[in-house]
Protein backbone atom coordinates (compact mmCIF):
# COMPACT_ATOMS: atom_id res chain seq x y z
CA MET A 1 10.19 8.09 -30.14
CA ARG A 2 10.85 9.16 -26.38
CA SER A 3 11.08 12.49 -24.85
CA ARG A 4 11.75 12.34 -21.23
CA LEU A 5 11.66 15.34 -18.09
CA ALA A 6 13.07 14.59 -14.71
CA LEU A 7 11.76 16.76 -11.58
CA SER A 8 14.11 16.16 -8.63
CA LEU A 9 11.81 16.58 -5.48
CA LEU A 10 13.15 16.54 -1.84
CA PHE A 11 14.80 13.21 -1.16
CA PHE A 12 14.55 11.38 -3.63
CA VAL A 13 14.29 11.90 -7.45
CA VAL A 14 10.91 11.82 -8.86
CA LEU A 15 10.80 11.37 -13.23
CA ILE A 16 8.13 12.95 -14.85
CA ILE A 17 8.66 10.74 -18.11
CA THR A 18 6.67 11.26 -20.78
CA ALA A 19 6.54 8.46 -23.33
CA CYS A 20 3.98 6.14 -23.83
CA GLY A 21 5.63 3.53 -21.27
CA SER A 22 7.95 3.04 -18.89
CA ASP A 23 8.90 -0.33 -19.31
CA ASP A 24 12.51 -0.13 -19.26
CA ALA A 25 12.46 3.47 -18.83
CA SER A 26 16.11 4.93 -17.75
CA PRO A 27 15.54 8.05 -17.27
CA ALA A 28 18.27 11.09 -16.09
CA PRO A 29 17.38 13.68 -13.59
CA ALA A 30 16.72 17.25 -14.90
CA GLN A 31 16.96 20.53 -13.16
CA GLU A 32 16.13 20.43 -9.39
CA PRO A 33 13.62 23.37 -7.68
CA SER A 34 14.97 23.72 -4.31
CA ALA A 35 17.17 21.56 -1.75
CA GLN A 36 19.75 19.68 -3.52
CA PRO A 37 18.66 16.26 -3.61
CA PRO A 38 20.73 13.38 -2.65
CA ALA A 39 22.20 9.90 -4.36
CA SER A 40 19.63 8.32 -6.38
CA PRO A 41 17.95 5.15 -4.31
CA VAL A 42 18.67 2.00 -5.75
CA ALA A 43 15.68 -0.63 -6.29
CA THR A 44 15.34 -4.25 -6.78
CA PRO A 45 15.35 -4.80 -10.45
CA ALA A 46 12.53 -5.85 -12.08
CA ARG A 47 12.61 -9.81 -13.41
CA ARG A 48 12.77 -8.75 -16.93
CA PRO A 49 13.86 -11.18 -20.48
CA THR A 50 17.69 -10.92 -20.71
CA PRO A 51 19.13 -9.33 -24.31
CA THR A 52 18.68 -13.37 -25.54
CA GLU A 53 14.91 -12.89 -24.50
CA ILE A 54 12.34 -11.98 -26.32
CA PRO A 55 8.70 -11.76 -25.04
CA LYS A 56 6.43 -14.13 -26.12
CA LEU A 57 2.42 -13.09 -26.50
CA GLY A 58 -0.18 -14.81 -24.89
CA GLY A 59 -1.26 -17.59 -22.10
CA ILE A 60 -3.20 -17.59 -18.95
CA LEU A 61 -1.31 -16.53 -16.17
CA LEU A 62 -2.55 -18.28 -12.98
CA LEU A 63 -1.99 -16.86 -9.53
CA ALA A 64 -3.93 -17.58 -6.32
CA ASN A 65 -5.48 -14.60 -4.29
CA ARG A 66 -6.02 -14.64 -0.64
CA GLY A 67 -9.66 -14.18 -0.65
CA ASP A 68 -12.42 -12.41 -2.09
CA PRO A 69 -12.28 -8.81 -3.26
CA PRO A 70 -14.17 -7.04 -0.42
CA SER A 71 -15.88 -3.62 -0.62
CA GLY A 72 -17.83 -4.40 -4.08
CA PHE A 73 -14.03 -4.35 -5.50
CA ASP A 74 -13.63 -0.03 -4.23
CA PRO A 75 -10.72 0.83 -3.96
CA MET A 76 -11.49 4.19 -2.24
CA ARG A 77 -12.95 1.56 0.83
CA THR A 78 -10.19 -0.62 1.30
CA SER A 79 -6.83 -1.41 1.05
CA SER A 80 -6.78 -5.01 1.27
CA ILE A 81 -4.63 -6.91 -0.84
CA ALA A 82 -7.14 -9.39 -1.52
CA LEU A 83 -8.88 -6.69 -3.67
CA HIS A 84 -5.40 -4.85 -4.95
CA HIS A 85 -3.64 -8.17 -6.40
CA PRO A 86 -6.34 -8.13 -9.49
CA GLY A 87 -7.01 -4.57 -9.23
CA GLY A 88 -4.04 -3.58 -10.80
CA ALA A 89 -4.70 -5.75 -13.32
CA LEU A 90 -8.35 -4.29 -14.02
CA PHE A 91 -7.46 -0.43 -12.66
CA GLY A 92 -3.82 0.12 -13.54
CA PRO A 93 -0.95 0.17 -12.05
CA GLY A 94 -1.56 4.01 -9.90
CA ASN A 95 -3.37 6.60 -11.23
CA LEU A 96 -2.58 10.17 -12.91
CA VAL A 97 1.22 9.14 -11.75
CA MET A 98 2.65 5.31 -10.51
CA ARG A 99 5.37 4.23 -9.51
CA CYS A 100 8.44 3.56 -11.93
CA ARG A 101 8.07 -0.51 -12.06
CA GLU A 102 12.30 -0.49 -12.81
CA ASN A 103 12.29 1.69 -9.06
CA MET A 104 9.52 2.42 -7.33
CA TYR A 105 11.26 4.92 -5.24
CA LEU A 106 10.44 7.18 -8.88
CA ILE A 107 7.61 8.79 -10.24
CA CYS A 108 6.51 7.77 -13.61
CA PRO A 109 3.18 9.10 -15.86
CA GLY A 110 0.65 7.28 -15.56
CA LEU A 111 -2.98 8.83 -16.71
CA ALA A 112 -1.32 11.83 -16.89
CA LYS A 113 1.01 12.33 -19.43
CA SER A 114 2.45 15.29 -17.05
CA TRP A 115 1.74 17.64 -14.47
CA ILE A 116 3.14 21.01 -12.87
CA ALA A 117 3.06 22.84 -9.95
CA ASN A 118 2.88 26.66 -9.47
CA PRO A 119 5.58 28.53 -7.55
CA GLY A 120 4.35 27.72 -4.12
CA PHE A 121 3.39 23.98 -4.38
CA THR A 122 -0.63 25.34 -4.24
CA GLU A 123 -1.82 24.35 -7.19
CA TRP A 124 -1.03 21.23 -9.00
CA THR A 125 -1.94 20.64 -12.98
CA PHE A 126 -1.88 17.34 -14.62
CA SER A 127 -2.54 16.81 -18.59
CA ILE A 128 -4.51 14.00 -18.88
CA ARG A 129 -3.22 11.46 -21.83
CA PRO A 130 -5.17 11.44 -24.38
CA GLY A 131 -6.17 8.13 -26.35
CA VAL A 132 -6.64 6.44 -22.64
CA LEU A 133 -10.21 4.07 -23.03
CA TRP A 134 -12.19 2.43 -20.32
CA HIS A 135 -13.05 -1.10 -21.15
CA ASP A 136 -16.07 -0.05 -22.24
CA GLY A 137 -14.72 2.43 -25.23
CA ALA A 138 -15.41 5.50 -23.25
CA PRO A 139 -12.27 7.75 -23.14
CA PHE A 140 -10.63 8.65 -19.94
CA THR A 141 -10.93 12.52 -19.55
CA ALA A 142 -10.00 14.93 -17.04
CA GLN A 143 -13.97 14.92 -16.09
CA ASP A 144 -13.27 11.06 -15.10
CA THR A 145 -10.60 12.48 -12.84
CA LYS A 146 -12.24 15.50 -11.62
CA PHE A 147 -14.78 13.20 -10.86
CA TRP A 148 -12.70 10.51 -9.14
CA LEU A 149 -10.54 13.20 -6.50
CA ASP A 150 -13.95 15.15 -5.62
CA MET A 151 -15.36 11.73 -4.59
CA ALA A 152 -12.44 10.67 -2.42
CA PHE A 153 -11.92 14.07 -0.95
CA PHE A 154 -15.22 15.41 -0.30
CA GLY A 155 -17.41 12.59 -0.76
CA LEU A 156 -21.20 13.23 -1.36
CA GLN A 157 -22.80 16.15 -0.44
CA GLY A 158 -24.99 15.42 2.91
CA GLY A 159 -22.52 12.23 3.62
CA ALA A 160 -24.58 9.85 1.21
CA ARG A 161 -21.04 8.45 0.28
CA PRO A 162 -18.27 9.29 2.86
CA PRO A 163 -15.41 10.28 1.57
CA ALA A 164 -12.27 7.84 0.24
CA TYR A 165 -10.47 6.09 3.61
CA PHE A 166 -6.90 7.84 1.79
CA LYS A 167 -8.84 11.22 2.43
CA GLY A 168 -5.63 12.30 4.35
CA GLU A 169 -3.05 11.29 1.94
CA LEU A 170 -4.48 13.51 -0.89
CA GLY A 171 -3.62 16.86 1.32
CA ASP A 172 -5.87 19.51 2.16
CA ILE A 173 -7.79 20.30 -0.68
CA LYS A 174 -9.71 23.26 -1.49
CA LYS A 175 -11.07 22.47 -5.23
CA VAL A 176 -10.74 20.62 -8.43
CA GLU A 177 -11.13 21.93 -11.47
CA VAL A 178 -11.27 20.89 -15.77
CA LEU A 179 -8.96 23.38 -17.66
CA SER A 180 -9.07 23.27 -21.85
CA GLY A 181 -6.68 20.85 -23.53
CA GLU A 182 -7.87 18.03 -20.79
CA ARG A 183 -6.01 19.60 -17.83
CA VAL A 184 -7.01 18.97 -14.41
CA LYS A 185 -5.96 21.79 -11.50
CA VAL A 186 -6.16 20.93 -7.99
CA THR A 187 -5.51 23.88 -5.22
CA PHE A 188 -4.62 22.97 -1.94
CA GLY A 189 -5.12 25.38 1.19
CA GLU A 190 -1.59 24.98 1.93
CA ARG A 191 1.65 24.08 0.33
CA TYR A 192 1.75 20.48 -0.61
CA VAL A 193 5.39 19.91 -2.35
CA PRO A 194 5.23 15.83 -2.40
CA PHE A 195 1.97 15.36 -3.66
CA VAL A 196 2.52 13.37 -6.89
CA GLU A 197 4.75 10.99 -4.32
CA ALA A 198 1.93 10.51 -2.14
CA LEU A 199 -0.08 10.07 -5.36
CA ALA A 200 1.90 7.36 -6.25
CA ASN A 201 0.31 5.39 -3.92
CA PRO A 202 -1.01 1.97 -6.10
CA ARG A 203 -3.81 1.85 -3.36
CA LEU A 204 -4.88 4.99 -4.88
CA LYS A 205 -6.61 3.75 -8.03
CA ILE A 206 -9.36 4.96 -10.31
CA ALA A 207 -11.74 2.64 -10.62
CA HIS A 208 -15.03 5.37 -11.18
CA PRO A 209 -16.06 6.10 -14.26
CA LYS A 210 -17.86 9.05 -14.26
CA HIS A 211 -20.19 8.21 -17.19
CA LEU A 212 -21.14 5.35 -15.56
CA MET A 213 -21.24 6.07 -11.31
CA GLU A 214 -22.62 9.65 -11.75
CA PRO A 215 -26.15 8.38 -13.36
CA ARG A 216 -26.86 5.47 -10.58
CA ILE A 217 -25.88 8.19 -8.15
CA ALA A 218 -28.27 10.88 -9.52
CA GLN A 219 -30.74 8.16 -9.52
CA GLY A 220 -29.98 7.85 -5.34
CA THR A 221 -27.50 4.71 -5.53
CA ALA A 222 -24.64 6.56 -3.69
CA ASP A 223 -22.51 3.62 -2.32
CA VAL A 224 -22.42 2.62 -6.40
CA SER A 225 -18.90 0.38 -6.32
CA PRO A 226 -16.84 -1.12 -9.31
CA ILE A 227 -19.03 -4.53 -8.86
CA THR A 228 -22.11 -2.47 -9.98
CA ILE A 229 -20.70 -1.13 -13.13
CA ASN A 230 -19.40 -5.02 -14.25
CA LEU A 231 -16.03 -3.88 -13.48
CA VAL A 232 -15.39 -1.40 -16.24
CA GLY A 233 -11.55 0.07 -15.50
CA ALA A 234 -8.88 1.46 -17.55
CA GLY A 235 -5.84 -1.30 -17.11
CA PRO A 236 -4.47 -3.74 -18.93
CA PHE A 237 -6.89 -6.10 -18.31
CA LYS A 238 -11.07 -6.15 -18.66
CA SER A 239 -13.01 -8.55 -16.39
CA GLU A 240 -14.17 -12.22 -18.38
CA SER A 241 -15.94 -13.08 -14.88
CA TYR A 242 -15.85 -13.41 -11.15
CA LYS A 243 -17.47 -16.12 -9.15
CA SER A 244 -17.08 -15.54 -5.50
CA GLY A 245 -15.35 -18.17 -3.82
CA SER A 246 -13.20 -19.50 -7.01
CA ILE A 247 -12.30 -17.24 -9.30
CA VAL A 248 -11.64 -13.36 -10.78
CA SER A 249 -10.91 -13.74 -14.37
CA VAL A 250 -9.44 -10.95 -16.41
CA ARG A 251 -8.72 -11.20 -20.11
CA ARG A 252 -6.36 -8.63 -22.12
CA PHE A 253 -8.15 -5.45 -23.02
CA GLU A 254 -6.69 -4.47 -26.50
CA LYS A 255 -7.07 -1.30 -26.58
CA TYR A 256 -4.77 -0.51 -23.34
CA TRP A 257 -2.25 2.66 -23.93
CA GLU A 258 0.91 1.40 -22.44
CA ARG A 259 3.38 0.49 -24.58
CA ASP A 260 6.91 -1.52 -23.62
CA SER A 261 10.35 -0.22 -24.32
CA GLY A 262 9.82 -1.21 -27.62
CA GLY A 263 7.16 0.43 -28.64
CA LYS A 264 4.88 -2.88 -28.60
CA ALA A 265 1.41 -2.77 -26.85
CA LEU A 266 0.90 -4.17 -23.51
CA PRO A 267 -0.29 -6.41 -22.24
CA ARG A 268 1.57 -9.51 -23.24
CA LEU A 269 -0.45 -12.03 -21.91
CA ASP A 270 -3.67 -13.11 -22.89
CA GLY A 271 -5.17 -13.22 -19.41
CA ILE A 272 -4.57 -13.91 -15.57
CA ASP A 273 -6.75 -16.02 -13.31
CA PHE A 274 -6.96 -15.35 -10.25
CA LEU A 275 -7.78 -18.34 -8.18
CA ILE A 276 -9.30 -17.37 -4.66
CA MET A 277 -7.42 -19.78 -1.60
CA THR A 278 -8.06 -18.56 1.25
CA GLU A 279 -6.06 -21.30 3.19
CA PRO A 280 -1.89 -21.05 2.70
CA THR A 281 -2.03 -24.68 2.83
CA VAL A 282 -4.05 -24.83 -0.01
CA MET A 283 -1.93 -22.45 -2.16
CA ASP A 284 1.22 -24.50 -1.58
CA ALA A 285 -0.16 -27.95 -2.55
CA ALA A 286 -1.58 -26.49 -5.65
CA PHE A 287 1.81 -24.65 -6.49
CA ARG A 288 3.32 -28.31 -5.77
CA THR A 289 1.47 -29.95 -7.97
CA GLY A 290 1.31 -27.20 -11.15
CA ARG A 291 -2.03 -25.74 -10.57
CA LEU A 292 -0.07 -22.34 -10.12
CA HIS A 293 2.10 -19.83 -11.59
CA GLY A 294 2.50 -17.25 -8.83
CA GLY A 295 1.62 -17.62 -5.03
CA ALA A 296 -0.87 -14.68 -3.49
CA ARG A 297 0.38 -11.52 -1.88
CA GLY A 298 -0.97 -10.48 1.56
CA GLU A 299 -0.56 -11.74 5.14
CA GLY A 300 -0.68 -15.42 5.80
CA HIS A 301 -0.07 -16.61 2.10
CA TYR A 302 3.90 -15.07 2.24
CA LEU A 303 6.32 -17.72 2.66
CA SER A 304 8.15 -18.46 6.08
CA VAL A 305 11.44 -19.39 6.21
CA ILE A 306 9.75 -23.17 6.56
CA ARG A 307 7.78 -22.52 3.45
CA ARG A 308 10.00 -21.46 1.67
CA GLY A 309 12.69 -24.25 1.90
CA GLN A 310 10.08 -27.27 1.36
CA TYR A 311 9.51 -24.92 -2.17
CA ILE A 312 13.44 -25.33 -2.48
CA GLN A 313 12.98 -29.01 -1.42
CA ASP A 314 9.66 -30.32 -3.42
CA ILE A 315 10.17 -27.83 -6.97
CA GLY A 316 13.96 -26.49 -7.05
CA PRO A 317 14.94 -24.43 -9.60
CA LYS A 318 11.63 -24.34 -11.19
CA THR A 319 10.68 -21.61 -8.46
CA TYR A 320 12.04 -18.08 -7.71
CA PHE A 321 11.17 -15.78 -4.95
CA ALA A 322 10.11 -12.24 -5.07
CA GLN A 323 11.42 -10.97 -1.47
CA MET A 324 10.00 -7.34 -0.75
CA GLU A 325 9.94 -5.31 2.49
CA GLY A 326 6.67 -5.41 3.99
CA GLY A 327 4.14 -3.77 6.69
CA MET A 328 5.37 -3.49 10.43
CA TYR A 329 3.63 -5.62 12.78
CA ARG A 330 2.35 -3.18 15.25
CA LEU A 331 -0.52 -2.44 18.24
CA ALA A 332 -2.49 -0.02 18.12
CA PHE A 333 -4.85 1.34 20.71
CA ASN A 334 -8.18 2.90 20.82
CA VAL A 335 -8.09 5.75 22.82
CA LEU A 336 -11.41 6.79 21.92
CA LYS A 337 -13.09 4.19 24.18
CA PRO A 338 -12.87 3.99 28.04
CA GLY A 339 -10.50 1.79 29.63
CA PRO A 340 -7.10 1.80 31.60
CA TRP A 341 -4.93 2.23 27.64
CA GLN A 342 -6.59 6.03 27.65
CA ASP A 343 -3.70 7.01 29.80
CA ALA A 344 -0.58 7.52 28.26
CA ARG A 345 1.79 5.72 30.96
CA VAL A 346 0.21 2.55 30.28
CA ARG A 347 0.29 2.27 26.18
CA ARG A 348 3.97 3.39 26.65
CA ALA A 349 4.00 0.32 29.81
CA MET A 350 2.81 -1.86 26.88
CA ALA A 351 5.42 -0.53 24.65
CA LEU A 352 8.31 -0.99 26.64
CA TRP A 353 7.09 -4.55 27.91
CA PHE A 354 7.69 -6.49 24.42
CA ASP A 355 10.75 -8.72 23.21
CA LYS A 356 10.79 -7.28 19.55
CA GLN A 357 12.91 -9.41 18.25
CA ALA A 358 11.32 -12.46 19.56
CA ALA A 359 8.56 -11.56 17.20
CA ILE A 360 10.74 -12.49 14.34
CA PRO A 361 10.76 -16.13 14.66
CA VAL A 362 7.46 -16.56 16.13
CA VAL A 363 4.89 -14.17 14.20
CA LEU A 364 7.23 -13.31 10.91
CA GLY A 365 8.44 -16.87 10.03
CA ASP A 366 12.08 -15.78 10.04
CA LEU A 367 11.61 -13.63 7.58
CA GLY A 368 11.50 -10.18 9.05
CA TRP A 369 13.91 -7.20 11.34
CA THR A 370 13.92 -5.06 14.51
CA ALA A 371 16.81 -2.96 13.36
CA PRO A 372 17.12 -0.86 9.83
CA SER A 373 20.74 -2.98 9.26
CA LEU A 374 18.72 -5.97 9.20
CA GLY A 375 16.20 -4.70 6.67
CA LEU A 376 16.29 -4.92 2.67
CA VAL A 377 18.01 -2.49 1.05
CA ASN A 378 15.59 0.74 1.33
CA PRO A 379 16.73 4.21 0.65
CA PHE A 380 14.86 5.62 3.97
CA GLN A 381 17.15 4.11 6.34
CA LYS A 382 20.22 6.05 4.24
CA LYS A 383 18.30 9.07 4.60
CA ASN A 384 17.10 8.88 8.34
CA PHE A 385 13.30 8.11 7.38
CA LEU A 386 13.46 5.13 9.51
CA ASN A 387 13.27 5.94 13.15
CA TRP A 388 11.13 3.67 15.85
CA PRO A 389 14.12 1.70 15.73
CA ARG A 390 16.31 4.00 17.18
CA PHE A 391 14.24 4.43 20.24
CA ASP A 392 14.07 2.73 23.41
CA PRO A 393 17.85 1.02 22.77
CA GLU A 394 17.96 0.29 26.75
CA PRO A 395 18.14 -3.40 27.46
CA LEU A 396 15.20 -5.46 27.99
CA GLU A 397 15.38 -5.80 31.46
CA GLN A 398 15.45 -2.42 32.17
CA LYS A 399 12.71 -1.76 30.25
CA ARG A 400 10.81 -3.99 31.60
CA ALA A 401 11.60 -2.77 34.83
CA GLU A 402 10.06 0.96 33.88
CA ALA A 403 7.37 -1.17 32.53
CA LYS A 404 6.35 -2.34 36.29
CA ARG A 405 6.58 1.17 37.45
CA LEU A 406 4.66 3.16 34.77
CA LEU A 407 1.84 0.51 35.43
CA ALA A 408 1.83 0.85 39.38
CA GLU A 409 2.36 4.49 38.82
CA ALA A 410 -1.15 4.93 36.65
CA GLY A 411 -2.74 2.54 38.86
CA TYR A 412 -3.00 -0.78 37.31
CA PRO A 413 -0.26 -2.88 39.11
CA SER A 414 -1.98 -5.66 39.03
CA GLY A 415 -2.98 -5.33 35.62
CA PHE A 416 -5.83 -5.15 33.43
CA ALA A 417 -8.09 -6.45 30.44
CA ILE A 418 -8.03 -5.43 27.05
CA GLY A 419 -9.90 -6.16 23.91
CA HIS A 420 -8.20 -6.82 20.91
CA LEU A 421 -9.76 -7.38 17.43
CA CYS A 422 -7.74 -10.17 15.91
CA ARG A 423 -7.54 -11.63 12.19
CA ALA A 424 -8.49 -15.21 11.65
CA LEU A 425 -6.50 -15.04 8.89
CA SER A 426 -2.83 -14.99 11.06
CA PRO A 427 -3.75 -15.75 14.61
CA VAL A 428 -0.27 -16.43 15.52
CA ARG A 429 0.01 -12.21 15.04
CA CYS A 430 -2.55 -12.22 18.07
CA GLU A 431 -1.35 -14.93 20.17
CA PHE A 432 2.14 -13.50 20.24
CA LEU A 433 0.69 -10.06 21.37
CA LYS A 434 -1.30 -11.61 24.22
CA ASP A 435 1.47 -13.91 25.43
CA HIS A 436 3.61 -11.79 26.07
CA LEU A 437 1.35 -8.74 27.56
CA SER A 438 0.09 -11.25 29.72
CA GLY A 439 3.58 -11.05 32.05
CA LEU A 440 2.79 -7.69 32.73
CA GLY A 441 -0.53 -8.83 34.18
CA ILE A 442 -2.77 -7.69 30.99
CA ASN A 443 -5.57 -9.85 29.61
CA LEU A 444 -5.72 -9.12 25.42
CA GLN A 445 -9.15 -10.82 25.18
CA LEU A 446 -8.91 -11.90 21.61
CA ALA A 447 -12.01 -11.43 19.10
CA ILE A 448 -10.97 -13.81 16.08
CA VAL A 449 -12.89 -12.74 12.83
CA ASP A 450 -12.80 -13.56 9.43
CA GLU A 451 -11.62 -11.85 6.78
CA GLY A 452 -15.04 -9.68 6.07
CA ALA A 453 -15.59 -8.78 9.24
CA TRP A 454 -11.87 -7.90 9.75
CA ASN A 455 -12.27 -5.32 6.66
CA ARG A 456 -15.56 -3.68 8.05
CA GLU A 457 -14.32 -3.84 12.07
CA ARG A 458 -11.06 -2.61 11.52
CA ILE A 459 -12.59 0.94 10.30
CA THR A 460 -15.06 1.24 13.71
CA ALA A 461 -14.24 2.61 16.44
CA ARG A 462 -16.00 -0.57 18.35
CA HIS A 463 -12.63 -2.36 19.28
CA ASP A 464 -10.38 -1.72 22.62
CA SER A 465 -6.82 -2.26 20.19
CA GLN A 466 -5.82 -3.80 16.68
CA GLU A 467 -3.34 -4.45 14.52
CA GLY A 468 -4.49 -2.57 11.75
CA ALA A 469 -3.73 -3.10 7.95
CA ALA A 470 -0.31 -3.56 6.64
CA THR A 471 -0.34 -0.16 4.43
CA PRO A 472 3.21 1.11 4.09
CA SER A 473 4.17 4.28 2.10
CA PRO A 474 7.59 5.02 1.10
CA VAL A 475 6.41 8.63 1.19
CA PRO A 476 6.06 10.01 4.61
CA GLU A 477 3.26 12.14 4.30
CA GLY A 478 1.64 9.18 2.23
CA THR A 479 0.96 7.47 6.26
CA GLU A 480 -1.75 9.92 7.35
CA SER A 481 -4.67 7.59 6.42
CA VAL A 482 -3.22 5.43 9.15
CA TYR A 483 -1.34 7.69 11.69
CA GLY A 484 -4.30 10.53 11.10
CA ARG A 485 -7.68 11.24 13.12
CA PHE A 486 -10.03 8.22 13.16
CA SER A 487 -12.67 10.77 11.58
CA GLU A 488 -10.54 11.89 9.37
CA ASN A 489 -9.36 8.90 8.50
CA PRO A 490 -11.07 5.52 9.27
CA ASP A 491 -8.61 2.95 8.22
CA ALA A 492 -5.96 4.54 10.57
CA TYR A 493 -4.10 2.03 12.89
CA ALA A 494 -5.29 3.60 16.34
CA LYS A 495 -8.29 5.71 17.13
CA HIS A 496 -7.37 9.13 18.32
CA GLU A 497 -8.90 12.66 17.23
CA ASP A 498 -5.10 14.13 18.25
CA LYS A 499 -5.18 17.10 16.18
CA ALA A 500 -1.49 17.67 17.22
CA VAL A 501 -1.06 15.01 15.07
CA ASP A 502 -2.92 16.99 12.15
CA ALA A 503 -0.16 19.63 12.90
CA LEU A 504 2.93 17.72 12.57
CA TYR A 505 1.59 16.70 9.06
CA HIS A 506 0.82 20.15 8.21
CA ARG A 507 4.12 20.94 9.15
CA LEU A 508 5.67 17.95 7.06
CA ARG A 509 3.96 18.69 3.68
CA GLU A 510 5.16 22.54 3.87
CA SER A 511 8.51 21.23 4.34
CA LEU A 512 10.91 22.53 1.74
CA SER A 513 13.97 20.99 2.09
CA LEU A 514 14.97 17.19 3.06
CA GLU A 515 16.70 17.99 6.03
CA GLN A 516 12.99 19.55 7.21
CA ARG A 517 11.43 16.39 6.09
CA ILE A 518 13.57 14.30 8.19
CA ALA A 519 13.25 16.51 11.26
CA VAL A 520 9.48 16.57 11.29
CA TRP A 521 9.06 13.23 10.45
CA ARG A 522 11.03 12.24 13.30
CA GLU A 523 9.25 14.32 15.47
CA LEU A 524 5.97 13.21 14.20
CA GLU A 525 7.39 9.09 15.09
CA ARG A 526 8.50 10.46 18.32
CA TYR A 527 5.09 11.70 19.39
CA LEU A 528 2.97 8.62 17.77
CA TYR A 529 5.37 5.80 19.17
CA VAL A 530 6.88 7.15 22.08
CA GLU A 531 5.30 10.41 23.76
CA ARG A 532 1.80 9.15 23.19
CA THR A 533 2.12 5.85 22.10
CA TYR A 534 -1.05 5.58 19.88
CA ILE A 535 1.05 2.95 18.50
CA ILE A 536 3.43 0.30 19.28
CA PRO A 537 6.06 -0.98 16.76
CA ILE A 538 7.17 -4.23 17.02
CA ALA A 539 9.15 -5.75 13.78
CA VAL A 540 8.75 -5.07 10.04
CA ALA A 541 7.94 -8.12 7.63
CA ILE A 542 9.89 -9.35 4.50
CA GLN A 543 7.10 -10.64 2.22
CA VAL A 544 8.08 -13.46 0.19
CA VAL A 545 6.08 -14.80 -3.23
CA PRO A 546 6.89 -17.84 -5.10
CA TYR A 547 6.88 -17.77 -9.05
CA ARG A 548 7.27 -20.43 -11.65
CA THR A 549 10.47 -19.77 -13.37
CA ALA A 550 8.12 -19.88 -16.85
CA VAL A 551 7.14 -16.33 -15.22
CA LYS A 552 9.19 -13.76 -16.81
CA GLY A 553 8.87 -9.67 -17.39
CA LEU A 554 8.01 -9.30 -13.54
CA ALA A 555 8.54 -6.16 -11.88
CA ILE A 556 9.54 -6.82 -8.15
CA PRO A 557 9.28 -3.93 -5.67
CA THR A 558 11.82 -3.32 -3.42
CA GLU A 559 8.72 -2.97 -0.43
CA ASP A 560 5.28 -3.27 -0.64
CA GLY A 561 3.30 -5.76 -2.15
CA HIS A 562 0.91 -3.39 -3.49
CA THR A 563 3.23 -2.37 -6.21
CA ASN A 564 3.23 -3.41 -9.60
CA THR A 565 0.14 -5.43 -10.02
CA ASP A 566 -0.81 -4.53 -12.95
CA PHE A 567 1.29 -7.51 -14.46
CA ALA A 568 1.19 -5.71 -18.06
CA THR A 569 5.02 -6.93 -18.37
CA VAL A 570 4.51 -10.34 -17.47
CA TRP A 571 4.84 -13.17 -19.87
CA LEU A 572 5.30 -16.82 -20.23
CA ASP A 573 8.02 -18.63 -21.41
CA LYS A 574 5.60 -22.14 -21.80
CA SER A 575 8.92 -24.29 -22.82
CA LEU A 576 9.58 -23.51 -19.01
CA LEU A 577 6.04 -25.16 -18.31
């Protein structure tokens, strides 16, 4: 028996579905608490069985993974897709809440069965879903939730363990309390209306069982991570084995809580083997020869137009392509390091110099856009939350003349040298920046590092500039971890300590209407990209992942490849293998 309750929150409809599962849920909106909602957005539908197809149980899904999961498999320490691709299977599709599979712009219950906010939106109370088990058989409780939120936001006393890199997305938490009836109350120092929208970011996974981690911490192991406790999670699959550089194997967790629309237990697969393939060419060869059912997610492994064409030529109708809107290709500055780039005029000059359209064929393999009309279907372009492509509409020649003027005015008519942290996985992105800026007399000196060093170095202030990790969020309030101050958000693209950015996010979280949110977000983007130019947005990628037609029930998100990586609804049609 399904019961459904939907709550419209501001710019899109946020659903609270109290069903046990949400595989095929299609709930109707209920009464709306504040602003009049716009029309519900439409997401790319999940690849689900047709009415004549009955999902089959069993089989091992073979997927490529871009690399070894970094940071001890700890979602509090990294947003790397190398972790979150297998991490969804181990730890689940979200946390207390999750993005709905059939429409990622809607919010579905996860480990919480329901939630409610006080009238001032300064307190959010979650009722924990009964019957959820960790992989070792221990129950998931309200105490686990408090433990996770406390560690993510506050860290450990005395700095023994810093907060999670996504702390900024959680807002201004003052305290987390366990209430009777397996409930958890989160109290904020300011109004936070879209809290559950930000919380639904799939990177915010709960991978920290209190009963296993707290004793380790008490013994002095403050840096305890999921790998330390044998990857015990609460997701649809449990850890079978992990061999560095080779494979992450997970197998069906028979006591997983979620059920499909027909009331049948999930997951459907016997397990998944994530085969670690750091080279895209190795992945391509393995797919063509039948050793993979699906490709890896992540920069460098997403297909270009040319590679996609080769798949079509070699494999033909036995493959299909999941197409998702991806992260922004950008250049971000470390203004905490001395150098010419500390002058906003210099950063602005560099921003005006780029021929952004030229990046699409060279850097993004002809799969990307620089204007909203060129992107995939996305509610933001309809709701005016996407502003940066509208900045600087002047002809390139005019912008470049202004760039030279600004650089000369700042005292650098002949240019200067600036360092750049470059990811070895995708050097073409760095080379494009270097080649373009050379025309302005700027020598971008590339420090090319492997994936392990990249994940360590990008959260430091040791480099003059970098691109930053691709961490998109469909919720403006959920972007503070990548746009906010470095001391509070180590994974931020740009490294700055500008408290004006804090103030803008404060206003954004307190906004009570769609119009207010749009206005503040436009102001924030203009401040980041134009007035201060901490970040130069260049283009948005379209991410393409190949799958064999035998892979059924796959939920394909409209954007953000970190979404729907639990694979709980996937099944294999062995007749097509």
